[in-house]
Amino acid sequence: MATAEVTVRFAAVGVAYLVGAVPFGVLVGRWRGVDVRTHGSGNIGATNVGRVLGWRAGALVFALDFLKGLLPTLGALGLAPAATGGPDVLVVGTGFAAVAGHVWPVYLGMRGGKGVATASGVLAALAPIAFGAALLSWLAVLALGRMVSLSSLVAALALTATQAALWLREPSGGEGLVAALCAAVTVLVFVRHRGNIRRIVAGTESRVGGGKPP
C-alpha cells in the first residue's frame, strides 16, 4: 500500500472522530431554544431530545447521529484496498472512532451520549445481518417493555451474538475484526447505560409514553 494511501486512510480515522463528535442533540436543542443537557436525563442523545422536545426532534437527532456513524464508515470502505477479505483494521478503526467521537466529543469537554445511534450507523455498514438482528430485538423489546434503555441493551447483546455466530460459521480476518468491534460496542453500551441498568433493576426506569414499570 502506498504511503499516500496509508496517510489518507489514517486521516479518515481522525475525520471520523471529529464527525462523530458533532453534538447534534445539543445543536437541535439550541435551534429550539433549549439546552438538552439541563433537561430530562441531561443526555445529548435522541431519547432525551425526544422526551424534552418531542418525537420529531428525537427522530431528527437519531437520524443525524446514525448518519455520522454510517457515512464515515462507508467512506473508509471506499478507501480500503479491493479484495481484502472483509473490513481491515483501519476500516473498523474508522467506525469505532465515529462512535468514540459521540461518546467522548472534543467539542463538549468529552461529555457525550451513549453511542447507540452512531454505532447503529457504523454497524449497518459493516455488519448488516447482525445489525438487522439487533434492530428486530430492539423493536421487540421496546414493544413489550416500552423501555428504550432495555431495548438498547438487549439489541447490543443480539448484535454481538449474531456477528460472533457468523464469524464462527465462516472464519475470516475481516469478520473477526467486525465481531471484535461488535463486542467493544456492546461493552461500551453497557458501561454508558449503567445508571439505566440500576433503575431497571430497581423498577424505576422510565417508559416510552411516560410512567414507571409497575
N, C-alpha and C. Protein backbone atom coordinates (compact mmCIF):
# COMPACT_ATOMS: atom_id res chain seq x y z
N MET A 1 0.85 -1.19 0.00
CA MET A 1 0.00 0.00 0.00
C MET A 1 0.88 1.24 0.00
N ALA A 2 0.62 2.19 -0.88
CA ALA A 2 1.43 3.39 -0.99
C ALA A 2 1.33 4.23 0.27
N THR A 3 2.42 4.97 0.54
CA THR A 3 2.45 5.82 1.74
C THR A 3 1.31 6.83 1.74
N ALA A 4 1.04 7.44 0.58
CA ALA A 4 -0.03 8.43 0.50
C ALA A 4 -1.38 7.81 0.84
N GLU A 5 -1.60 6.58 0.37
CA GLU A 5 -2.87 5.90 0.65
C GLU A 5 -3.01 5.62 2.14
N VAL A 6 -1.92 5.17 2.76
CA VAL A 6 -1.94 4.91 4.20
C VAL A 6 -2.24 6.19 4.97
N THR A 7 -1.61 7.29 4.55
CA THR A 7 -1.83 8.57 5.22
C THR A 7 -3.29 9.00 5.12
N VAL A 8 -3.87 8.85 3.93
CA VAL A 8 -5.28 9.23 3.75
C VAL A 8 -6.18 8.38 4.63
N ARG A 9 -5.88 7.09 4.73
CA ARG A 9 -6.74 6.21 5.50
C ARG A 9 -6.61 6.48 7.00
N PHE A 10 -5.40 6.81 7.46
CA PHE A 10 -5.26 7.19 8.87
C PHE A 10 -5.97 8.52 9.14
N ALA A 11 -5.89 9.43 8.17
CA ALA A 11 -6.60 10.71 8.33
C ALA A 11 -8.09 10.48 8.42
N ALA A 12 -8.60 9.47 7.71
CA ALA A 12 -10.03 9.17 7.75
C ALA A 12 -10.48 8.79 9.16
N VAL A 13 -9.60 8.14 9.92
CA VAL A 13 -9.93 7.79 11.30
C VAL A 13 -10.13 9.06 12.12
N GLY A 14 -9.23 10.02 11.95
CA GLY A 14 -9.36 11.28 12.67
C GLY A 14 -10.59 12.06 12.27
N VAL A 15 -10.88 12.08 10.97
CA VAL A 15 -12.07 12.78 10.49
C VAL A 15 -13.33 12.12 11.05
N ALA A 16 -13.32 10.79 11.10
CA ALA A 16 -14.49 10.08 11.64
C ALA A 16 -14.73 10.47 13.09
N TYR A 17 -13.67 10.60 13.87
CA TYR A 17 -13.84 11.04 15.27
C TYR A 17 -14.47 12.43 15.32
N LEU A 18 -13.94 13.36 14.51
CA LEU A 18 -14.45 14.73 14.55
C LEU A 18 -15.89 14.81 14.08
N VAL A 19 -16.24 14.01 13.08
CA VAL A 19 -17.64 13.97 12.61
C VAL A 19 -18.52 13.35 13.69
N GLY A 20 -18.06 12.24 14.27
CA GLY A 20 -18.82 11.59 15.33
C GLY A 20 -19.03 12.48 16.54
N ALA A 21 -18.10 13.40 16.75
CA ALA A 21 -18.18 14.27 17.92
C ALA A 21 -19.16 15.42 17.76
N VAL A 22 -19.67 15.64 16.55
CA VAL A 22 -20.63 16.74 16.34
C VAL A 22 -21.87 16.46 17.19
N PRO A 23 -22.20 17.33 18.15
CA PRO A 23 -23.31 17.06 19.09
C PRO A 23 -24.66 17.50 18.54
N PHE A 24 -25.22 16.69 17.66
CA PHE A 24 -26.46 17.09 17.01
C PHE A 24 -27.60 17.29 18.02
N GLY A 25 -27.60 16.52 19.10
CA GLY A 25 -28.63 16.71 20.11
C GLY A 25 -28.58 18.10 20.71
N VAL A 26 -27.38 18.59 20.99
CA VAL A 26 -27.20 19.93 21.54
C VAL A 26 -27.59 20.97 20.48
N LEU A 27 -27.16 20.76 19.24
CA LEU A 27 -27.44 21.73 18.18
C LEU A 27 -28.93 21.84 17.89
N VAL A 28 -29.62 20.70 17.83
CA VAL A 28 -31.07 20.73 17.60
C VAL A 28 -31.77 21.40 18.79
N GLY A 29 -31.29 21.11 19.99
CA GLY A 29 -31.86 21.76 21.17
C GLY A 29 -31.69 23.27 21.14
N ARG A 30 -30.50 23.73 20.77
CA ARG A 30 -30.26 25.17 20.68
C ARG A 30 -31.13 25.81 19.61
N TRP A 31 -31.33 25.09 18.51
CA TRP A 31 -32.22 25.58 17.44
C TRP A 31 -33.63 25.81 17.98
N ARG A 32 -34.02 24.98 18.95
CA ARG A 32 -35.34 25.11 19.58
C ARG A 32 -35.29 25.97 20.85
N GLY A 33 -34.13 26.53 21.15
CA GLY A 33 -34.00 27.40 22.31
C GLY A 33 -33.87 26.67 23.63
N VAL A 34 -33.41 25.42 23.60
CA VAL A 34 -33.30 24.61 24.82
C VAL A 34 -31.92 23.95 24.86
N ASP A 35 -31.31 23.96 26.04
CA ASP A 35 -30.08 23.19 26.25
C ASP A 35 -30.49 21.84 26.83
N VAL A 36 -30.48 20.80 26.01
CA VAL A 36 -30.97 19.49 26.47
C VAL A 36 -30.12 18.93 27.60
N ARG A 37 -28.92 19.46 27.79
CA ARG A 37 -28.05 18.96 28.87
C ARG A 37 -28.55 19.37 30.24
N THR A 38 -29.50 20.30 30.28
CA THR A 38 -30.05 20.75 31.55
C THR A 38 -31.51 20.33 31.72
N HIS A 39 -31.98 19.44 30.87
CA HIS A 39 -33.36 18.97 30.95
C HIS A 39 -33.40 17.45 30.86
N GLY A 40 -34.45 16.86 31.41
CA GLY A 40 -34.60 15.42 31.36
C GLY A 40 -33.44 14.71 32.02
N SER A 41 -32.87 13.73 31.32
CA SER A 41 -31.73 12.99 31.87
C SER A 41 -30.42 13.75 31.70
N GLY A 42 -30.43 14.82 30.89
CA GLY A 42 -29.22 15.57 30.61
C GLY A 42 -28.38 14.99 29.49
N ASN A 43 -28.81 13.86 28.94
CA ASN A 43 -28.07 13.22 27.85
C ASN A 43 -28.31 13.94 26.54
N ILE A 44 -27.33 13.91 25.65
CA ILE A 44 -27.45 14.62 24.38
C ILE A 44 -28.01 13.75 23.26
N GLY A 45 -28.37 12.52 23.57
CA GLY A 45 -28.84 11.59 22.55
C GLY A 45 -30.30 11.78 22.19
N ALA A 46 -30.72 10.97 21.22
CA ALA A 46 -32.06 11.11 20.66
C ALA A 46 -33.17 10.85 21.67
N THR A 47 -32.96 9.90 22.57
CA THR A 47 -34.02 9.56 23.53
C THR A 47 -34.36 10.75 24.41
N ASN A 48 -33.33 11.39 24.97
CA ASN A 48 -33.59 12.54 25.83
C ASN A 48 -34.12 13.72 25.04
N VAL A 49 -33.59 13.92 23.84
CA VAL A 49 -34.10 15.00 23.00
C VAL A 49 -35.59 14.77 22.71
N GLY A 50 -35.96 13.52 22.44
CA GLY A 50 -37.36 13.22 22.19
C GLY A 50 -38.24 13.51 23.39
N ARG A 51 -37.75 13.17 24.59
CA ARG A 51 -38.53 13.44 25.81
C ARG A 51 -38.69 14.94 26.04
N VAL A 52 -37.63 15.70 25.77
CA VAL A 52 -37.64 17.13 26.07
C VAL A 52 -38.34 17.94 24.98
N LEU A 53 -38.08 17.60 23.72
CA LEU A 53 -38.53 18.43 22.61
C LEU A 53 -39.59 17.78 21.72
N GLY A 54 -39.92 16.51 22.00
CA GLY A 54 -40.92 15.84 21.18
C GLY A 54 -40.30 14.83 20.24
N TRP A 55 -41.14 13.90 19.76
CA TRP A 55 -40.61 12.77 19.00
C TRP A 55 -40.00 13.19 17.67
N ARG A 56 -40.49 14.25 17.05
CA ARG A 56 -39.92 14.68 15.77
C ARG A 56 -38.48 15.13 15.95
N ALA A 57 -38.21 15.91 16.99
CA ALA A 57 -36.84 16.33 17.26
C ALA A 57 -35.97 15.13 17.61
N GLY A 58 -36.52 14.20 18.37
CA GLY A 58 -35.77 13.00 18.72
C GLY A 58 -35.43 12.17 17.49
N ALA A 59 -36.39 12.03 16.58
CA ALA A 59 -36.16 11.27 15.35
C ALA A 59 -35.10 11.95 14.48
N LEU A 60 -35.13 13.28 14.43
CA LEU A 60 -34.14 14.02 13.66
C LEU A 60 -32.74 13.78 14.21
N VAL A 61 -32.61 13.87 15.53
CA VAL A 61 -31.30 13.66 16.15
C VAL A 61 -30.83 12.23 15.93
N PHE A 62 -31.74 11.25 16.06
CA PHE A 62 -31.34 9.87 15.81
C PHE A 62 -30.82 9.71 14.39
N ALA A 63 -31.54 10.28 13.41
CA ALA A 63 -31.12 10.16 12.01
C ALA A 63 -29.74 10.79 11.79
N LEU A 64 -29.53 11.96 12.37
CA LEU A 64 -28.24 12.64 12.20
C LEU A 64 -27.12 11.87 12.89
N ASP A 65 -27.38 11.37 14.09
CA ASP A 65 -26.36 10.58 14.80
C ASP A 65 -26.07 9.27 14.06
N PHE A 66 -27.10 8.67 13.49
CA PHE A 66 -26.92 7.46 12.69
C PHE A 66 -26.03 7.74 11.48
N LEU A 67 -26.30 8.84 10.80
CA LEU A 67 -25.54 9.17 9.60
C LEU A 67 -24.08 9.49 9.91
N LYS A 68 -23.81 10.07 11.08
CA LYS A 68 -22.41 10.40 11.38
C LYS A 68 -21.61 9.14 11.72
N GLY A 69 -22.28 8.03 11.93
CA GLY A 69 -21.59 6.75 12.02
C GLY A 69 -21.52 6.07 10.67
N LEU A 70 -22.63 6.11 9.91
CA LEU A 70 -22.71 5.42 8.63
C LEU A 70 -21.77 6.01 7.58
N LEU A 71 -21.81 7.33 7.40
CA LEU A 71 -21.09 7.94 6.28
C LEU A 71 -19.57 7.82 6.39
N PRO A 72 -18.96 8.11 7.55
CA PRO A 72 -17.51 7.90 7.64
C PRO A 72 -17.10 6.45 7.41
N THR A 73 -17.93 5.51 7.87
CA THR A 73 -17.61 4.10 7.69
C THR A 73 -17.70 3.70 6.23
N LEU A 74 -18.73 4.16 5.53
CA LEU A 74 -18.82 3.90 4.10
C LEU A 74 -17.65 4.53 3.35
N GLY A 75 -17.24 5.71 3.79
CA GLY A 75 -16.08 6.35 3.18
C GLY A 75 -14.82 5.53 3.38
N ALA A 76 -14.65 4.98 4.59
CA ALA A 76 -13.48 4.14 4.87
C ALA A 76 -13.50 2.87 4.03
N LEU A 77 -14.68 2.29 3.85
CA LEU A 77 -14.79 1.10 2.99
C LEU A 77 -14.41 1.44 1.55
N GLY A 78 -14.78 2.64 1.11
CA GLY A 78 -14.43 3.06 -0.24
C GLY A 78 -12.94 3.26 -0.43
N LEU A 79 -12.24 3.64 0.65
CA LEU A 79 -10.80 3.86 0.58
C LEU A 79 -10.00 2.57 0.73
N ALA A 80 -10.65 1.52 1.26
CA ALA A 80 -9.93 0.27 1.53
C ALA A 80 -9.53 -0.41 0.22
N PRO A 81 -8.38 -1.10 0.22
CA PRO A 81 -7.97 -1.84 -0.98
C PRO A 81 -9.00 -2.90 -1.34
N ALA A 82 -9.13 -3.18 -2.61
CA ALA A 82 -10.08 -4.20 -3.06
C ALA A 82 -9.63 -5.59 -2.64
N ALA A 83 -10.61 -6.46 -2.43
CA ALA A 83 -10.35 -7.89 -2.15
C ALA A 83 -9.45 -8.08 -0.93
N THR A 84 -9.81 -7.41 0.18
CA THR A 84 -9.02 -7.57 1.40
C THR A 84 -9.56 -8.68 2.29
N GLY A 85 -10.63 -9.35 1.88
CA GLY A 85 -11.20 -10.41 2.72
C GLY A 85 -12.06 -9.86 3.83
N GLY A 86 -12.67 -8.71 3.60
CA GLY A 86 -13.52 -8.09 4.62
C GLY A 86 -12.88 -6.83 5.14
N PRO A 87 -13.58 -6.11 6.00
CA PRO A 87 -13.04 -4.86 6.56
C PRO A 87 -11.71 -5.08 7.26
N ASP A 88 -10.77 -4.15 7.05
CA ASP A 88 -9.48 -4.28 7.73
C ASP A 88 -9.45 -3.40 8.97
N VAL A 89 -8.28 -3.35 9.60
CA VAL A 89 -8.16 -2.65 10.88
C VAL A 89 -8.52 -1.18 10.75
N LEU A 90 -8.11 -0.53 9.66
CA LEU A 90 -8.38 0.89 9.52
C LEU A 90 -9.86 1.18 9.25
N VAL A 91 -10.54 0.29 8.55
CA VAL A 91 -11.98 0.46 8.34
C VAL A 91 -12.71 0.33 9.67
N VAL A 92 -12.41 -0.74 10.41
CA VAL A 92 -13.05 -0.95 11.71
C VAL A 92 -12.67 0.18 12.67
N GLY A 93 -11.41 0.61 12.60
CA GLY A 93 -10.97 1.71 13.46
C GLY A 93 -11.69 3.01 13.15
N THR A 94 -11.98 3.23 11.88
CA THR A 94 -12.73 4.43 11.48
C THR A 94 -14.13 4.39 12.07
N GLY A 95 -14.77 3.22 11.99
CA GLY A 95 -16.10 3.10 12.58
C GLY A 95 -16.09 3.33 14.08
N PHE A 96 -15.12 2.73 14.76
CA PHE A 96 -15.07 2.91 16.21
C PHE A 96 -14.76 4.36 16.57
N ALA A 97 -13.94 5.03 15.75
CA ALA A 97 -13.61 6.43 16.01
C ALA A 97 -14.86 7.31 15.97
N ALA A 98 -15.78 7.00 15.05
CA ALA A 98 -17.02 7.77 14.98
C ALA A 98 -17.84 7.59 16.25
N VAL A 99 -17.90 6.35 16.75
CA VAL A 99 -18.63 6.09 17.99
C VAL A 99 -17.95 6.78 19.17
N ALA A 100 -16.62 6.69 19.21
CA ALA A 100 -15.87 7.34 20.29
C ALA A 100 -16.08 8.84 20.28
N GLY A 101 -16.18 9.42 19.07
CA GLY A 101 -16.44 10.85 18.98
C GLY A 101 -17.76 11.24 19.61
N HIS A 102 -18.79 10.42 19.40
CA HIS A 102 -20.09 10.71 20.00
C HIS A 102 -20.05 10.57 21.53
N VAL A 103 -19.38 9.52 21.99
CA VAL A 103 -19.34 9.26 23.43
C VAL A 103 -18.42 10.24 24.16
N TRP A 104 -17.29 10.57 23.52
CA TRP A 104 -16.32 11.49 24.13
C TRP A 104 -16.03 12.63 23.16
N PRO A 105 -16.99 13.56 22.97
CA PRO A 105 -16.82 14.63 21.97
C PRO A 105 -15.88 15.74 22.44
N VAL A 106 -14.91 16.03 21.62
CA VAL A 106 -13.94 17.08 21.97
C VAL A 106 -14.63 18.43 22.09
N TYR A 107 -15.74 18.62 21.38
CA TYR A 107 -16.44 19.91 21.40
C TYR A 107 -17.20 20.16 22.71
N LEU A 108 -17.44 19.10 23.49
CA LEU A 108 -18.22 19.24 24.73
C LEU A 108 -17.42 18.78 25.95
N GLY A 109 -16.12 18.90 25.89
CA GLY A 109 -15.30 18.51 27.04
C GLY A 109 -15.36 17.02 27.32
N MET A 110 -15.51 16.21 26.27
CA MET A 110 -15.53 14.75 26.37
C MET A 110 -16.77 14.19 27.06
N ARG A 111 -17.83 15.00 27.17
CA ARG A 111 -19.07 14.54 27.80
C ARG A 111 -20.14 14.39 26.74
N GLY A 112 -20.31 13.16 26.26
CA GLY A 112 -21.22 12.94 25.16
C GLY A 112 -22.36 12.00 25.48
N GLY A 113 -22.87 11.35 24.45
CA GLY A 113 -24.02 10.46 24.59
C GLY A 113 -23.61 9.02 24.82
N LYS A 114 -24.57 8.14 24.59
CA LYS A 114 -24.35 6.72 24.88
C LYS A 114 -23.92 5.91 23.66
N GLY A 115 -24.00 6.50 22.49
CA GLY A 115 -23.40 5.90 21.32
C GLY A 115 -24.26 4.93 20.53
N VAL A 116 -25.51 4.72 20.93
CA VAL A 116 -26.32 3.69 20.28
C VAL A 116 -26.62 4.06 18.82
N ALA A 117 -27.08 5.27 18.56
CA ALA A 117 -27.45 5.65 17.20
C ALA A 117 -26.23 5.67 16.28
N THR A 118 -25.13 6.23 16.76
CA THR A 118 -23.92 6.30 15.94
C THR A 118 -23.35 4.91 15.68
N ALA A 119 -23.34 4.07 16.69
CA ALA A 119 -22.89 2.69 16.49
C ALA A 119 -23.79 1.96 15.52
N SER A 120 -25.08 2.26 15.55
CA SER A 120 -26.02 1.64 14.61
C SER A 120 -25.64 1.97 13.17
N GLY A 121 -25.26 3.22 12.93
CA GLY A 121 -24.84 3.62 11.59
C GLY A 121 -23.58 2.89 11.15
N VAL A 122 -22.62 2.78 12.05
CA VAL A 122 -21.38 2.07 11.75
C VAL A 122 -21.66 0.61 11.40
N LEU A 123 -22.46 -0.04 12.21
CA LEU A 123 -22.68 -1.47 12.04
C LEU A 123 -23.66 -1.79 10.93
N ALA A 124 -24.50 -0.83 10.56
CA ALA A 124 -25.33 -1.03 9.38
C ALA A 124 -24.45 -1.17 8.14
N ALA A 125 -23.30 -0.48 8.15
CA ALA A 125 -22.36 -0.57 7.03
C ALA A 125 -21.48 -1.80 7.10
N LEU A 126 -21.02 -2.16 8.30
CA LEU A 126 -20.04 -3.23 8.44
C LEU A 126 -20.64 -4.60 8.72
N ALA A 127 -21.79 -4.63 9.37
CA ALA A 127 -22.39 -5.91 9.78
C ALA A 127 -23.90 -5.87 9.58
N PRO A 128 -24.36 -5.79 8.34
CA PRO A 128 -25.80 -5.60 8.09
C PRO A 128 -26.68 -6.71 8.64
N ILE A 129 -26.22 -7.96 8.61
CA ILE A 129 -27.05 -9.05 9.13
C ILE A 129 -27.17 -8.94 10.65
N ALA A 130 -26.05 -8.74 11.32
CA ALA A 130 -26.07 -8.58 12.77
C ALA A 130 -26.86 -7.33 13.17
N PHE A 131 -26.70 -6.27 12.39
CA PHE A 131 -27.46 -5.05 12.66
C PHE A 131 -28.96 -5.31 12.53
N GLY A 132 -29.36 -6.07 11.51
CA GLY A 132 -30.77 -6.41 11.35
C GLY A 132 -31.31 -7.19 12.52
N ALA A 133 -30.51 -8.15 13.02
CA ALA A 133 -30.94 -8.93 14.19
C ALA A 133 -31.07 -8.02 15.41
N ALA A 134 -30.13 -7.09 15.56
CA ALA A 134 -30.20 -6.17 16.69
C ALA A 134 -31.41 -5.26 16.59
N LEU A 135 -31.71 -4.79 15.39
CA LEU A 135 -32.86 -3.91 15.20
C LEU A 135 -34.17 -4.63 15.53
N LEU A 136 -34.30 -5.87 15.08
CA LEU A 136 -35.50 -6.65 15.39
C LEU A 136 -35.63 -6.86 16.90
N SER A 137 -34.51 -7.14 17.56
CA SER A 137 -34.53 -7.31 19.02
C SER A 137 -34.94 -6.02 19.71
N TRP A 138 -34.40 -4.91 19.22
CA TRP A 138 -34.73 -3.60 19.82
C TRP A 138 -36.23 -3.32 19.70
N LEU A 139 -36.77 -3.56 18.53
CA LEU A 139 -38.20 -3.29 18.32
C LEU A 139 -39.07 -4.21 19.17
N ALA A 140 -38.69 -5.49 19.26
CA ALA A 140 -39.49 -6.45 20.04
C ALA A 140 -39.48 -6.09 21.52
N VAL A 141 -38.32 -5.79 22.06
CA VAL A 141 -38.23 -5.47 23.49
C VAL A 141 -38.91 -4.14 23.79
N LEU A 142 -38.79 -3.19 22.87
CA LEU A 142 -39.47 -1.90 23.08
C LEU A 142 -40.98 -2.09 23.09
N ALA A 143 -41.48 -2.92 22.18
CA ALA A 143 -42.93 -3.16 22.13
C ALA A 143 -43.42 -3.82 23.40
N LEU A 144 -42.62 -4.72 23.97
CA LEU A 144 -43.04 -5.44 25.17
C LEU A 144 -42.85 -4.63 26.44
N GLY A 145 -41.71 -3.96 26.55
CA GLY A 145 -41.40 -3.29 27.81
C GLY A 145 -41.44 -1.79 27.80
N ARG A 146 -41.46 -1.20 26.60
CA ARG A 146 -41.52 0.26 26.43
C ARG A 146 -40.37 1.00 27.12
N MET A 147 -39.21 0.33 27.23
CA MET A 147 -38.03 0.98 27.79
C MET A 147 -36.93 1.01 26.74
N VAL A 148 -36.56 2.22 26.31
CA VAL A 148 -35.54 2.36 25.28
C VAL A 148 -34.21 1.80 25.77
N SER A 149 -33.89 2.04 27.03
CA SER A 149 -32.61 1.58 27.57
C SER A 149 -32.51 0.06 27.53
N LEU A 150 -33.55 -0.63 28.00
CA LEU A 150 -33.54 -2.09 27.98
C LEU A 150 -33.48 -2.61 26.56
N SER A 151 -34.20 -1.97 25.65
CA SER A 151 -34.17 -2.37 24.25
C SER A 151 -32.75 -2.25 23.69
N SER A 152 -32.06 -1.18 24.03
CA SER A 152 -30.70 -0.97 23.54
C SER A 152 -29.74 -2.01 24.09
N LEU A 153 -29.89 -2.37 25.36
CA LEU A 153 -29.02 -3.37 25.97
C LEU A 153 -29.22 -4.75 25.33
N VAL A 154 -30.48 -5.13 25.14
CA VAL A 154 -30.75 -6.44 24.52
C VAL A 154 -30.28 -6.44 23.07
N ALA A 155 -30.49 -5.33 22.36
CA ALA A 155 -30.05 -5.24 20.97
C ALA A 155 -28.54 -5.37 20.86
N ALA A 156 -27.81 -4.78 21.79
CA ALA A 156 -26.35 -4.87 21.77
C ALA A 156 -25.90 -6.32 21.95
N LEU A 157 -26.55 -7.04 22.84
CA LEU A 157 -26.22 -8.47 23.03
C LEU A 157 -26.54 -9.27 21.77
N ALA A 158 -27.70 -8.99 21.16
CA ALA A 158 -28.09 -9.70 19.94
C ALA A 158 -27.10 -9.42 18.81
N LEU A 159 -26.63 -8.18 18.75
CA LEU A 159 -25.65 -7.80 17.73
C LEU A 159 -24.39 -8.64 17.84
N THR A 160 -23.82 -8.69 19.04
CA THR A 160 -22.57 -9.42 19.23
C THR A 160 -22.76 -10.91 19.03
N ALA A 161 -23.85 -11.46 19.54
CA ALA A 161 -24.10 -12.90 19.40
C ALA A 161 -24.25 -13.28 17.93
N THR A 162 -24.98 -12.47 17.16
CA THR A 162 -25.20 -12.78 15.75
C THR A 162 -23.90 -12.68 14.96
N GLN A 163 -23.13 -11.61 15.19
CA GLN A 163 -21.88 -11.45 14.44
C GLN A 163 -20.88 -12.53 14.82
N ALA A 164 -20.85 -12.91 16.09
CA ALA A 164 -19.95 -13.99 16.51
C ALA A 164 -20.33 -15.31 15.82
N ALA A 165 -21.62 -15.57 15.72
CA ALA A 165 -22.08 -16.79 15.06
C ALA A 165 -21.70 -16.79 13.58
N LEU A 166 -21.84 -15.63 12.93
CA LEU A 166 -21.47 -15.53 11.51
C LEU A 166 -19.97 -15.75 11.33
N TRP A 167 -19.18 -15.20 12.24
CA TRP A 167 -17.73 -15.35 12.14
C TRP A 167 -17.31 -16.80 12.37
N LEU A 168 -17.94 -17.47 13.34
CA LEU A 168 -17.59 -18.86 13.62
C LEU A 168 -18.00 -19.77 12.47
N ARG A 169 -19.08 -19.41 11.78
CA ARG A 169 -19.52 -20.22 10.64
C ARG A 169 -18.56 -20.10 9.46
N GLU A 170 -18.09 -18.89 9.22
CA GLU A 170 -17.15 -18.65 8.13
C GLU A 170 -16.03 -17.74 8.62
N PRO A 171 -15.04 -18.32 9.33
CA PRO A 171 -13.97 -17.51 9.91
C PRO A 171 -13.17 -16.75 8.84
N SER A 172 -12.96 -15.48 9.10
CA SER A 172 -12.09 -14.66 8.26
C SER A 172 -11.59 -13.50 9.11
N GLY A 173 -10.46 -12.96 8.70
CA GLY A 173 -9.90 -11.86 9.48
C GLY A 173 -10.81 -10.67 9.57
N GLY A 174 -11.45 -10.31 8.42
CA GLY A 174 -12.34 -9.16 8.42
C GLY A 174 -13.54 -9.35 9.30
N GLU A 175 -14.17 -10.53 9.21
CA GLU A 175 -15.35 -10.79 10.03
C GLU A 175 -14.98 -10.86 11.51
N GLY A 176 -13.77 -11.34 11.79
CA GLY A 176 -13.32 -11.37 13.18
C GLY A 176 -13.14 -9.97 13.74
N LEU A 177 -12.62 -9.06 12.93
CA LEU A 177 -12.47 -7.67 13.37
C LEU A 177 -13.82 -7.04 13.64
N VAL A 178 -14.79 -7.32 12.76
CA VAL A 178 -16.13 -6.77 12.97
C VAL A 178 -16.76 -7.36 14.22
N ALA A 179 -16.54 -8.66 14.47
CA ALA A 179 -17.05 -9.28 15.69
C ALA A 179 -16.44 -8.63 16.92
N ALA A 180 -15.14 -8.32 16.85
CA ALA A 180 -14.49 -7.63 17.97
C ALA A 180 -15.07 -6.23 18.16
N LEU A 181 -15.36 -5.53 17.04
CA LEU A 181 -15.99 -4.21 17.14
C LEU A 181 -17.36 -4.32 17.79
N CYS A 182 -18.14 -5.32 17.39
CA CYS A 182 -19.46 -5.51 17.99
C CYS A 182 -19.35 -5.74 19.50
N ALA A 183 -18.38 -6.55 19.90
CA ALA A 183 -18.18 -6.81 21.33
C ALA A 183 -17.78 -5.53 22.06
N ALA A 184 -16.89 -4.73 21.44
CA ALA A 184 -16.47 -3.48 22.07
C ALA A 184 -17.64 -2.51 22.20
N VAL A 185 -18.46 -2.44 21.16
CA VAL A 185 -19.64 -1.56 21.20
C VAL A 185 -20.60 -2.01 22.30
N THR A 186 -20.78 -3.32 22.43
CA THR A 186 -21.69 -3.85 23.45
C THR A 186 -21.20 -3.50 24.85
N VAL A 187 -19.91 -3.66 25.07
CA VAL A 187 -19.35 -3.29 26.38
C VAL A 187 -19.55 -1.81 26.63
N LEU A 188 -19.30 -0.99 25.61
CA LEU A 188 -19.46 0.46 25.75
C LEU A 188 -20.91 0.82 26.05
N VAL A 189 -21.84 0.18 25.35
CA VAL A 189 -23.26 0.46 25.58
C VAL A 189 -23.65 0.11 27.02
N PHE A 190 -23.17 -1.02 27.53
CA PHE A 190 -23.50 -1.39 28.90
C PHE A 190 -22.88 -0.42 29.90
N VAL A 191 -21.64 -0.01 29.65
CA VAL A 191 -20.99 0.94 30.57
C VAL A 191 -21.74 2.26 30.57
N ARG A 192 -22.11 2.75 29.40
CA ARG A 192 -22.79 4.04 29.31
C ARG A 192 -24.23 3.97 29.83
N HIS A 193 -24.79 2.78 29.94
CA HIS A 193 -26.15 2.60 30.45
C HIS A 193 -26.17 2.10 31.90
N ARG A 194 -25.06 2.21 32.61
CA ARG A 194 -25.03 1.63 33.96
C ARG A 194 -26.06 2.27 34.89
N GLY A 195 -26.32 3.57 34.72
CA GLY A 195 -27.37 4.20 35.53
C GLY A 195 -28.74 3.65 35.18
N ASN A 196 -28.97 3.44 33.88
CA ASN A 196 -30.24 2.86 33.45
C ASN A 196 -30.40 1.44 33.98
N ILE A 197 -29.31 0.68 33.99
CA ILE A 197 -29.36 -0.70 34.49
C ILE A 197 -29.78 -0.71 35.96
N ARG A 198 -29.22 0.21 36.74
CA ARG A 198 -29.61 0.29 38.16
C ARG A 198 -31.09 0.60 38.29
N ARG A 199 -31.60 1.50 37.44
CA ARG A 199 -33.02 1.86 37.53
C ARG A 199 -33.91 0.72 37.04
N ILE A 200 -33.46 -0.03 36.04
CA ILE A 200 -34.23 -1.18 35.57
C ILE A 200 -34.35 -2.21 36.69
N VAL A 201 -33.25 -2.49 37.36
CA VAL A 201 -33.24 -3.46 38.46
C VAL A 201 -34.13 -2.97 39.60
N ALA A 202 -34.09 -1.66 39.85
CA ALA A 202 -34.89 -1.09 40.94
C ALA A 202 -36.36 -0.91 40.56
N GLY A 203 -36.68 -1.06 39.27
CA GLY A 203 -38.05 -0.88 38.82
C GLY A 203 -38.47 0.56 38.68
N THR A 204 -37.50 1.47 38.46
CA THR A 204 -37.82 2.90 38.39
C THR A 204 -37.48 3.51 37.03
N GLU A 205 -37.09 2.69 36.07
CA GLU A 205 -36.72 3.23 34.76
C GLU A 205 -37.95 3.75 34.02
N SER A 206 -37.81 4.90 33.36
CA SER A 206 -38.92 5.49 32.63
C SER A 206 -39.26 4.66 31.40
N ARG A 207 -40.54 4.71 31.03
CA ARG A 207 -41.01 4.01 29.83
C ARG A 207 -41.45 4.99 28.77
N VAL A 208 -41.43 4.56 27.54
CA VAL A 208 -41.95 5.38 26.45
C VAL A 208 -43.43 5.64 26.70
N GLY A 209 -43.83 6.87 26.57
CA GLY A 209 -45.22 7.23 26.84
C GLY A 209 -45.45 7.66 28.26
N GLY A 210 -44.37 7.67 29.05
CA GLY A 210 -44.49 8.11 30.46
C GLY A 210 -44.71 6.98 31.41
N GLY A 211 -44.45 7.24 32.65
CA GLY A 211 -44.69 6.26 33.68
C GLY A 211 -43.50 5.39 33.98
N LYS A 212 -43.58 4.67 35.09
CA LYS A 212 -42.55 3.76 35.53
C LYS A 212 -43.09 2.32 35.43
N PRO A 213 -42.18 1.34 35.44
CA PRO A 213 -42.64 -0.01 35.49
C PRO A 213 -43.47 -0.27 36.72
N PRO A 214 -44.51 -1.12 36.65
CA PRO A 214 -45.36 -1.37 37.82
C PRO A 214 -44.61 -2.12 38.88
